[in-house]
Amino acid sequence: MKKQKPKNLTECIQMLDKNLKKQDKEYIKTLTEDEFFMESHFTLGMGIRNEWLRSGNPELVKFFLDQGVKHLDDMSAMILTSYYRYLINSNN
């Protein structure tokens, strides 16, 4: 069975929220946005680039290209930043 892959930014946020452990979410909340980005770019961000963007997920790549985001690092940065902001502003 194929792993489900997100098709847009909203689905990326939903999947991250579903798959991250509660203790990881609590830790993320202790960080500033810049700290989270720096800590996650080569870990969670690399996983996003490899699993969601590079490995045959044309719908998600097209979503970002349609938004004017052309580089995979910029795409993963947008996902990470959006997730951080979602998590900080939610009751999760």
PDB file of N, CA and C in Angstrom:
ATOM      1  N   MET A   1       0.847  -1.179   0.000  1.00  0.00           N
ATOM      2  CA  MET A   1       0.000   0.000   0.000  1.00  0.00           C
ATOM      3  C   MET A   1       0.894   1.246   0.000  1.00  0.00           C
ATOM      4  N   LYS A   2       0.547   2.214  -0.808  1.00  0.00           N
ATOM      5  CA  LYS A   2       1.314   3.451  -0.899  1.00  0.00           C
ATOM      6  C   LYS A   2       1.027   4.345   0.304  1.00  0.00           C
ATOM      7  N   LYS A   3       2.087   5.010   0.751  1.00  0.00           N
ATOM      8  CA  LYS A   3       1.902   6.013   1.798  1.00  0.00           C
ATOM      9  C   LYS A   3       1.128   7.181   1.229  1.00  0.00           C
ATOM     10  N   GLN A   4       0.212   7.707   2.022  1.00  0.00           N
ATOM     11  CA  GLN A   4      -0.527   8.886   1.604  1.00  0.00           C
ATOM     12  C   GLN A   4       0.400  10.085   1.614  1.00  0.00           C
ATOM     13  N   LYS A   5       0.313  10.894   0.579  1.00  0.00           N
ATOM     14  CA  LYS A   5       1.129  12.095   0.479  1.00  0.00           C
ATOM     15  C   LYS A   5       0.211  13.303   0.335  1.00  0.00           C
ATOM     16  N   PRO A   6       0.597  14.412   0.954  1.00  0.00           N
ATOM     17  CA  PRO A   6      -0.234  15.614   0.890  1.00  0.00           C
ATOM     18  C   PRO A   6      -0.228  16.236  -0.500  1.00  0.00           C
ATOM     19  N   LYS A   7      -1.320  16.900  -0.829  1.00  0.00           N
ATOM     20  CA  LYS A   7      -1.474  17.529  -2.144  1.00  0.00           C
ATOM     21  C   LYS A   7      -1.382  19.047  -2.090  1.00  0.00           C
ATOM     22  N   ASN A   8      -1.446  19.603  -0.870  1.00  0.00           N
ATOM     23  CA  ASN A   8      -1.391  21.064  -0.710  1.00  0.00           C
ATOM     24  C   ASN A   8      -0.884  21.386   0.697  1.00  0.00           C
ATOM     25  N   LEU A   9      -0.738  22.664   0.981  1.00  0.00           N
ATOM     26  CA  LEU A   9      -0.187  23.090   2.263  1.00  0.00           C
ATOM     27  C   LEU A   9      -1.069  22.673   3.434  1.00  0.00           C
ATOM     28  N   THR A  10      -2.359  22.765   3.281  1.00  0.00           N
ATOM     29  CA  THR A  10      -3.275  22.370   4.354  1.00  0.00           C
ATOM     30  C   THR A  10      -3.092  20.904   4.706  1.00  0.00           C
ATOM     31  N   GLU A  11      -2.988  20.053   3.704  1.00  0.00           N
ATOM     32  CA  GLU A  11      -2.788  18.625   3.952  1.00  0.00           C
ATOM     33  C   GLU A  11      -1.423  18.361   4.587  1.00  0.00           C
ATOM     34  N   CYS A  12      -0.410  19.144   4.221  1.00  0.00           N
ATOM     35  CA  CYS A  12       0.909  19.010   4.852  1.00  0.00           C
ATOM     36  C   CYS A  12       0.804  19.268   6.350  1.00  0.00           C
ATOM     37  N   ILE A  13       0.139  20.341   6.712  1.00  0.00           N
ATOM     38  CA  ILE A  13      -0.021  20.695   8.128  1.00  0.00           C
ATOM     39  C   ILE A  13      -0.792  19.600   8.861  1.00  0.00           C
ATOM     40  N   GLN A  14      -1.865  19.120   8.254  1.00  0.00           N
ATOM     41  CA  GLN A  14      -2.672  18.072   8.876  1.00  0.00           C
ATOM     42  C   GLN A  14      -1.856  16.801   9.092  1.00  0.00           C
ATOM     43  N   MET A  15      -1.057  16.421   8.096  1.00  0.00           N
ATOM     44  CA  MET A  15      -0.276  15.197   8.206  1.00  0.00           C
ATOM     45  C   MET A  15       0.842  15.335   9.243  1.00  0.00           C
ATOM     46  N   LEU A  16       1.497  16.481   9.277  1.00  0.00           N
ATOM     47  CA  LEU A  16       2.519  16.699  10.298  1.00  0.00           C
ATOM     48  C   LEU A  16       1.892  16.623  11.688  1.00  0.00           C
ATOM     49  N   ASP A  17       0.765  17.276  11.859  1.00  0.00           N
ATOM     50  CA  ASP A  17       0.107  17.301  13.159  1.00  0.00           C
ATOM     51  C   ASP A  17      -0.321  15.901  13.585  1.00  0.00           C
ATOM     52  N   LYS A  18      -0.771  15.114  12.648  1.00  0.00           N
ATOM     53  CA  LYS A  18      -1.201  13.746  12.933  1.00  0.00           C
ATOM     54  C   LYS A  18      -0.012  12.854  13.288  1.00  0.00           C
ATOM     55  N   ASN A  19       1.118  13.052  12.641  1.00  0.00           N
ATOM     56  CA  ASN A  19       2.245  12.132  12.772  1.00  0.00           C
ATOM     57  C   ASN A  19       3.276  12.516  13.828  1.00  0.00           C
ATOM     58  N   LEU A  20       3.312  13.776  14.227  1.00  0.00           N
ATOM     59  CA  LEU A  20       4.269  14.162  15.262  1.00  0.00           C
ATOM     60  C   LEU A  20       3.747  13.763  16.643  1.00  0.00           C
ATOM     61  N   LYS A  21       4.649  13.293  17.478  1.00  0.00           N
ATOM     62  CA  LYS A  21       4.284  12.895  18.836  1.00  0.00           C
ATOM     63  C   LYS A  21       3.971  14.129  19.675  1.00  0.00           C
ATOM     64  N   LYS A  22       3.144  13.920  20.686  1.00  0.00           N
ATOM     65  CA  LYS A  22       2.764  15.016  21.575  1.00  0.00           C
ATOM     66  C   LYS A  22       3.992  15.663  22.210  1.00  0.00           C
ATOM     67  N   GLN A  23       4.957  14.857  22.625  1.00  0.00           N
ATOM     68  CA  GLN A  23       6.164  15.416  23.261  1.00  0.00           C
ATOM     69  C   GLN A  23       6.960  16.257  22.273  1.00  0.00           C
ATOM     70  N   ASP A  24       6.961  15.874  20.990  1.00  0.00           N
ATOM     71  CA  ASP A  24       7.639  16.683  19.979  1.00  0.00           C
ATOM     72  C   ASP A  24       6.922  18.019  19.786  1.00  0.00           C
ATOM     73  N   LYS A  25       5.610  17.984  19.773  1.00  0.00           N
ATOM     74  CA  LYS A  25       4.833  19.216  19.633  1.00  0.00           C
ATOM     75  C   LYS A  25       5.075  20.148  20.817  1.00  0.00           C
ATOM     76  N   GLU A  26       5.124  19.574  22.008  1.00  0.00           N
ATOM     77  CA  GLU A  26       5.379  20.389  23.203  1.00  0.00           C
ATOM     78  C   GLU A  26       6.761  21.025  23.131  1.00  0.00           C
ATOM     79  N   TYR A  27       7.742  20.274  22.652  1.00  0.00           N
ATOM     80  CA  TYR A  27       9.084  20.837  22.505  1.00  0.00           C
ATOM     81  C   TYR A  27       9.090  21.965  21.482  1.00  0.00           C
ATOM     82  N   ILE A  28       8.446  21.764  20.355  1.00  0.00           N
ATOM     83  CA  ILE A  28       8.391  22.787  19.302  1.00  0.00           C
ATOM     84  C   ILE A  28       7.823  24.085  19.869  1.00  0.00           C
ATOM     85  N   LYS A  29       6.827  23.966  20.718  1.00  0.00           N
ATOM     86  CA  LYS A  29       6.192  25.153  21.298  1.00  0.00           C
ATOM     87  C   LYS A  29       7.132  25.949  22.186  1.00  0.00           C
ATOM     88  N   THR A  30       8.220  25.344  22.644  1.00  0.00           N
ATOM     89  CA  THR A  30       9.171  26.070  23.492  1.00  0.00           C
ATOM     90  C   THR A  30      10.156  26.884  22.653  1.00  0.00           C
ATOM     91  N   LEU A  31      10.159  26.671  21.352  1.00  0.00           N
ATOM     92  CA  LEU A  31      11.118  27.314  20.460  1.00  0.00           C
ATOM     93  C   LEU A  31      10.530  28.564  19.823  1.00  0.00           C
ATOM     94  N   THR A  32      11.404  29.485  19.444  1.00  0.00           N
ATOM     95  CA  THR A  32      10.957  30.580  18.593  1.00  0.00           C
ATOM     96  C   THR A  32      10.823  30.034  17.181  1.00  0.00           C
ATOM     97  N   GLU A  33      10.200  30.785  16.313  1.00  0.00           N
ATOM     98  CA  GLU A  33      10.050  30.358  14.919  1.00  0.00           C
ATOM     99  C   GLU A  33      11.424  30.134  14.269  1.00  0.00           C
ATOM    100  N   ASP A  34      12.348  31.034  14.504  1.00  0.00           N
ATOM    101  CA  ASP A  34      13.692  30.889  13.937  1.00  0.00           C
ATOM    102  C   ASP A  34      14.410  29.664  14.486  1.00  0.00           C
ATOM    103  N   GLU A  35      14.295  29.433  15.787  1.00  0.00           N
ATOM    104  CA  GLU A  35      14.922  28.248  16.381  1.00  0.00           C
ATOM    105  C   GLU A  35      14.336  26.971  15.790  1.00  0.00           C
ATOM    106  N   PHE A  36      13.022  26.911  15.663  1.00  0.00           N
ATOM    107  CA  PHE A  36      12.378  25.735  15.083  1.00  0.00           C
ATOM    108  C   PHE A  36      12.864  25.509  13.658  1.00  0.00           C
ATOM    109  N   PHE A  37      12.924  26.572  12.881  1.00  0.00           N
ATOM    110  CA  PHE A  37      13.358  26.424  11.496  1.00  0.00           C
ATOM    111  C   PHE A  37      14.801  25.921  11.430  1.00  0.00           C
ATOM    112  N   MET A  38      15.675  26.504  12.233  1.00  0.00           N
ATOM    113  CA  MET A  38      17.082  26.097  12.210  1.00  0.00           C
ATOM    114  C   MET A  38      17.249  24.646  12.660  1.00  0.00           C
ATOM    115  N   GLU A  39      16.507  24.234  13.668  1.00  0.00           N
ATOM    116  CA  GLU A  39      16.609  22.860  14.165  1.00  0.00           C
ATOM    117  C   GLU A  39      15.986  21.844  13.217  1.00  0.00           C
ATOM    118  N   SER A  40      15.001  22.243  12.464  1.00  0.00           N
ATOM    119  CA  SER A  40      14.252  21.275  11.666  1.00  0.00           C
ATOM    120  C   SER A  40      14.623  21.246  10.182  1.00  0.00           C
ATOM    121  N   HIS A  41      15.400  22.217   9.702  1.00  0.00           N
ATOM    122  CA  HIS A  41      15.698  22.278   8.274  1.00  0.00           C
ATOM    123  C   HIS A  41      16.373  21.004   7.774  1.00  0.00           C
ATOM    124  N   PHE A  42      17.341  20.483   8.523  1.00  0.00           N
ATOM    125  CA  PHE A  42      18.078  19.293   8.086  1.00  0.00           C
ATOM    126  C   PHE A  42      17.542  17.999   8.685  1.00  0.00           C
ATOM    127  N   THR A  43      16.451  18.064   9.420  1.00  0.00           N
ATOM    128  CA  THR A  43      15.856  16.864  10.002  1.00  0.00           C
ATOM    129  C   THR A  43      14.457  16.683   9.413  1.00  0.00           C
ATOM    130  N   LEU A  44      13.493  17.301  10.030  1.00  0.00           N
ATOM    131  CA  LEU A  44      12.115  17.221   9.541  1.00  0.00           C
ATOM    132  C   LEU A  44      12.003  17.797   8.132  1.00  0.00           C
ATOM    133  N   GLY A  45      12.689  18.905   7.895  1.00  0.00           N
ATOM    134  CA  GLY A  45      12.658  19.517   6.562  1.00  0.00           C
ATOM    135  C   GLY A  45      13.218  18.603   5.489  1.00  0.00           C
ATOM    136  N   MET A  46      14.305  17.896   5.813  1.00  0.00           N
ATOM    137  CA  MET A  46      14.882  16.969   4.847  1.00  0.00           C
ATOM    138  C   MET A  46      13.918  15.819   4.564  1.00  0.00           C
ATOM    139  N   GLY A  47      13.258  15.348   5.602  1.00  0.00           N
ATOM    140  CA  GLY A  47      12.252  14.296   5.413  1.00  0.00           C
ATOM    141  C   GLY A  47      11.126  14.764   4.507  1.00  0.00           C
ATOM    142  N   ILE A  48      10.675  15.991   4.698  1.00  0.00           N
ATOM    143  CA  ILE A  48       9.624  16.564   3.845  1.00  0.00           C
ATOM    144  C   ILE A  48      10.111  16.637   2.410  1.00  0.00           C
ATOM    145  N   ARG A  49      11.328  17.132   2.211  1.00  0.00           N
ATOM    146  CA  ARG A  49      11.858  17.229   0.850  1.00  0.00           C
ATOM    147  C   ARG A  49      11.984  15.862   0.195  1.00  0.00           C
ATOM    148  N   ASN A  50      12.493  14.890   0.950  1.00  0.00           N
ATOM    149  CA  ASN A  50      12.702  13.563   0.369  1.00  0.00           C
ATOM    150  C   ASN A  50      11.407  12.779   0.174  1.00  0.00           C
ATOM    151  N   GLU A  51      10.540  12.791   1.176  1.00  0.00           N
ATOM    152  CA  GLU A  51       9.323  11.969   1.134  1.00  0.00           C
ATOM    153  C   GLU A  51       8.160  12.612   0.384  1.00  0.00           C
ATOM    154  N   TRP A  52       8.016  13.905   0.512  1.00  0.00           N
ATOM    155  CA  TRP A  52       6.844  14.565  -0.065  1.00  0.00           C
ATOM    156  C   TRP A  52       7.131  15.298  -1.366  1.00  0.00           C
ATOM    157  N   LEU A  53       8.342  15.792  -1.537  1.00  0.00           N
ATOM    158  CA  LEU A  53       8.611  16.649  -2.698  1.00  0.00           C
ATOM    159  C   LEU A  53       9.430  15.958  -3.788  1.00  0.00           C
ATOM    160  N   ARG A  54      10.425  15.185  -3.424  1.00  0.00           N
ATOM    161  CA  ARG A  54      11.296  14.562  -4.424  1.00  0.00           C
ATOM    162  C   ARG A  54      10.778  13.212  -4.917  1.00  0.00           C
ATOM    163  N   SER A  55      10.002  12.545  -4.124  1.00  0.00           N
ATOM    164  CA  SER A  55       9.669  11.149  -4.420  1.00  0.00           C
ATOM    165  C   SER A  55       8.312  10.988  -5.105  1.00  0.00           C
ATOM    166  N   GLY A  56       8.156  11.617  -6.210  1.00  0.00           N
ATOM    167  CA  GLY A  56       6.963  11.381  -7.018  1.00  0.00           C
ATOM    168  C   GLY A  56       5.674  11.904  -6.432  1.00  0.00           C
ATOM    169  N   ASN A  57       5.649  13.144  -6.052  1.00  0.00           N
ATOM    170  CA  ASN A  57       4.420  13.765  -5.555  1.00  0.00           C
ATOM    171  C   ASN A  57       4.158  15.022  -6.386  1.00  0.00           C
ATOM    172  N   PRO A  58       3.804  14.826  -7.654  1.00  0.00           N
ATOM    173  CA  PRO A  58       3.664  15.983  -8.544  1.00  0.00           C
ATOM    174  C   PRO A  58       2.574  16.963  -8.122  1.00  0.00           C
ATOM    175  N   GLU A  59       1.539  16.488  -7.448  1.00  0.00           N
ATOM    176  CA  GLU A  59       0.457  17.396  -7.046  1.00  0.00           C
ATOM    177  C   GLU A  59       0.947  18.439  -6.051  1.00  0.00           C
ATOM    178  N   LEU A  60       1.751  18.020  -5.077  1.00  0.00           N
ATOM    179  CA  LEU A  60       2.252  18.965  -4.081  1.00  0.00           C
ATOM    180  C   LEU A  60       3.254  19.927  -4.714  1.00  0.00           C
ATOM    181  N   VAL A  61       4.141  19.402  -5.540  1.00  0.00           N
ATOM    182  CA  VAL A  61       5.117  20.258  -6.216  1.00  0.00           C
ATOM    183  C   VAL A  61       4.390  21.277  -7.088  1.00  0.00           C
ATOM    184  N   LYS A  62       3.377  20.830  -7.817  1.00  0.00           N
ATOM    185  CA  LYS A  62       2.600  21.739  -8.671  1.00  0.00           C
ATOM    186  C   LYS A  62       1.905  22.806  -7.827  1.00  0.00           C
ATOM    187  N   PHE A  63       1.378  22.416  -6.660  1.00  0.00           N
ATOM    188  CA  PHE A  63       0.738  23.376  -5.767  1.00  0.00           C
ATOM    189  C   PHE A  63       1.700  24.520  -5.464  1.00  0.00           C
ATOM    190  N   PHE A  64       2.928  24.181  -5.087  1.00  0.00           N
ATOM    191  CA  PHE A  64       3.898  25.220  -4.749  1.00  0.00           C
ATOM    192  C   PHE A  64       4.350  26.006  -5.971  1.00  0.00           C
ATOM    193  N   LEU A  65       4.567  25.331  -7.082  1.00  0.00           N
ATOM    194  CA  LEU A  65       4.953  26.042  -8.308  1.00  0.00           C
ATOM    195  C   LEU A  65       3.882  27.053  -8.697  1.00  0.00           C
ATOM    196  N   ASP A  66       2.611  26.667  -8.542  1.00  0.00           N
ATOM    197  CA  ASP A  66       1.499  27.578  -8.839  1.00  0.00           C
ATOM    198  C   ASP A  66       1.496  28.790  -7.914  1.00  0.00           C
ATOM    199  N   GLN A  67       2.100  28.652  -6.733  1.00  0.00           N
ATOM    200  CA  GLN A  67       2.198  29.762  -5.774  1.00  0.00           C
ATOM    201  C   GLN A  67       3.456  30.598  -6.017  1.00  0.00           C
ATOM    202  N   GLY A  68       4.251  30.190  -7.001  1.00  0.00           N
ATOM    203  CA  GLY A  68       5.485  30.915  -7.301  1.00  0.00           C
ATOM    204  C   GLY A  68       6.684  30.437  -6.504  1.00  0.00           C
ATOM    205  N   VAL A  69       6.537  29.340  -5.782  1.00  0.00           N
ATOM    206  CA  VAL A  69       7.633  28.776  -4.996  1.00  0.00           C
ATOM    207  C   VAL A  69       8.297  27.701  -5.850  1.00  0.00           C
ATOM    208  N   LYS A  70       9.556  27.934  -6.218  1.00  0.00           N
ATOM    209  CA  LYS A  70      10.195  27.073  -7.208  1.00  0.00           C
ATOM    210  C   LYS A  70      11.258  26.129  -6.649  1.00  0.00           C
ATOM    211  N   HIS A  71      11.846  26.417  -5.515  1.00  0.00           N
ATOM    212  CA  HIS A  71      12.935  25.612  -4.976  1.00  0.00           C
ATOM    213  C   HIS A  71      12.419  24.695  -3.861  1.00  0.00           C
ATOM    214  N   LEU A  72      12.890  23.457  -3.833  1.00  0.00           N
ATOM    215  CA  LEU A  72      12.421  22.501  -2.825  1.00  0.00           C
ATOM    216  C   LEU A  72      12.700  22.976  -1.403  1.00  0.00           C
ATOM    217  N   ASP A  73      13.846  23.634  -1.178  1.00  0.00           N
ATOM    218  CA  ASP A  73      14.129  24.161   0.161  1.00  0.00           C
ATOM    219  C   ASP A  73      13.098  25.214   0.563  1.00  0.00           C
ATOM    220  N   ASP A  74      12.687  26.038  -0.390  1.00  0.00           N
ATOM    221  CA  ASP A  74      11.672  27.058  -0.102  1.00  0.00           C
ATOM    222  C   ASP A  74      10.314  26.422   0.163  1.00  0.00           C
ATOM    223  N   MET A  75      10.022  25.349  -0.558  1.00  0.00           N
ATOM    224  CA  MET A  75       8.754  24.636  -0.338  1.00  0.00           C
ATOM    225  C   MET A  75       8.719  24.043   1.066  1.00  0.00           C
ATOM    226  N   SER A  76       9.804  23.356   1.447  1.00  0.00           N
ATOM    227  CA  SER A  76       9.824  22.760   2.793  1.00  0.00           C
ATOM    228  C   SER A  76       9.839  23.840   3.872  1.00  0.00           C
ATOM    229  N   ALA A  77      10.499  24.964   3.604  1.00  0.00           N
ATOM    230  CA  ALA A  77      10.507  26.066   4.565  1.00  0.00           C
ATOM    231  C   ALA A  77       9.095  26.606   4.763  1.00  0.00           C
ATOM    232  N   MET A  78       8.337  26.702   3.704  1.00  0.00           N
ATOM    233  CA  MET A  78       6.962  27.191   3.817  1.00  0.00           C
ATOM    234  C   MET A  78       6.117  26.210   4.632  1.00  0.00           C
ATOM    235  N   ILE A  79       6.333  24.929   4.419  1.00  0.00           N
ATOM    236  CA  ILE A  79       5.600  23.909   5.181  1.00  0.00           C
ATOM    237  C   ILE A  79       5.969  24.000   6.656  1.00  0.00           C
ATOM    238  N   LEU A  80       7.262  24.062   6.957  1.00  0.00           N
ATOM    239  CA  LEU A  80       7.712  24.122   8.354  1.00  0.00           C
ATOM    240  C   LEU A  80       7.204  25.380   9.053  1.00  0.00           C
ATOM    241  N   THR A  81       7.332  26.512   8.406  1.00  0.00           N
ATOM    242  CA  THR A  81       6.889  27.772   8.994  1.00  0.00           C
ATOM    243  C   THR A  81       5.384  27.755   9.232  1.00  0.00           C
ATOM    244  N   SER A  82       4.656  27.257   8.257  1.00  0.00           N
ATOM    245  CA  SER A  82       3.194  27.191   8.393  1.00  0.00           C
ATOM    246  C   SER A  82       2.794  26.248   9.511  1.00  0.00           C
ATOM    247  N   TYR A  83       3.485  25.119   9.635  1.00  0.00           N
ATOM    248  CA  TYR A  83       3.156  24.189  10.714  1.00  0.00           C
ATOM    249  C   TYR A  83       3.467  24.818  12.074  1.00  0.00           C
ATOM    250  N   TYR A  84       4.618  25.451  12.182  1.00  0.00           N
ATOM    251  CA  TYR A  84       4.972  26.104  13.446  1.00  0.00           C
ATOM    252  C   TYR A  84       3.895  27.113  13.845  1.00  0.00           C
ATOM    253  N   ARG A  85       3.503  27.948  12.928  1.00  0.00           N
ATOM    254  CA  ARG A  85       2.491  28.971  13.229  1.00  0.00           C
ATOM    255  C   ARG A  85       1.153  28.341  13.582  1.00  0.00           C
ATOM    256  N   TYR A  86       0.788  27.268  12.883  1.00  0.00           N
ATOM    257  CA  TYR A  86      -0.439  26.540  13.204  1.00  0.00           C
ATOM    258  C   TYR A  86      -0.357  26.006  14.638  1.00  0.00           C
ATOM    259  N   LEU A  87       0.767  25.356  14.954  1.00  0.00           N
ATOM    260  CA  LEU A  87       0.908  24.731  16.271  1.00  0.00           C
ATOM    261  C   LEU A  87       0.891  25.774  17.380  1.00  0.00           C
ATOM    262  N   ILE A  88       1.563  26.869  17.207  1.00  0.00           N
ATOM    263  CA  ILE A  88       1.620  27.915  18.231  1.00  0.00           C
ATOM    264  C   ILE A  88       0.244  28.541  18.451  1.00  0.00           C
ATOM    265  N   ASN A  89      -0.548  28.627  17.400  1.00  0.00           N
ATOM    266  CA  ASN A  89      -1.859  29.273  17.510  1.00  0.00           C
ATOM    267  C   ASN A  89      -3.003  28.303  17.771  1.00  0.00           C
ATOM    268  N   SER A  90      -2.686  27.026  17.972  1.00  0.00           N
ATOM    269  CA  SER A  90      -3.749  26.045  18.220  1.00  0.00           C
ATOM    270  C   SER A  90      -3.677  25.585  19.664  1.00  0.00           C
ATOM    271  N   ASN A  91      -4.622  24.750  20.043  1.00  0.00           N
ATOM    272  CA  ASN A  91      -4.658  24.185  21.396  1.00  0.00           C
ATOM    273  C   ASN A  91      -4.106  22.772  21.422  1.00  0.00           C
ATOM    274  N   ASN A  92      -3.315  22.425  20.437  1.00  0.00           N
ATOM    275  CA  ASN A  92      -2.768  21.047  20.382  1.00  0.00           C
ATOM    276  C   ASN A  92      -1.681  20.848  21.413  1.00  0.00           C
TER     277      ASN A  92
END
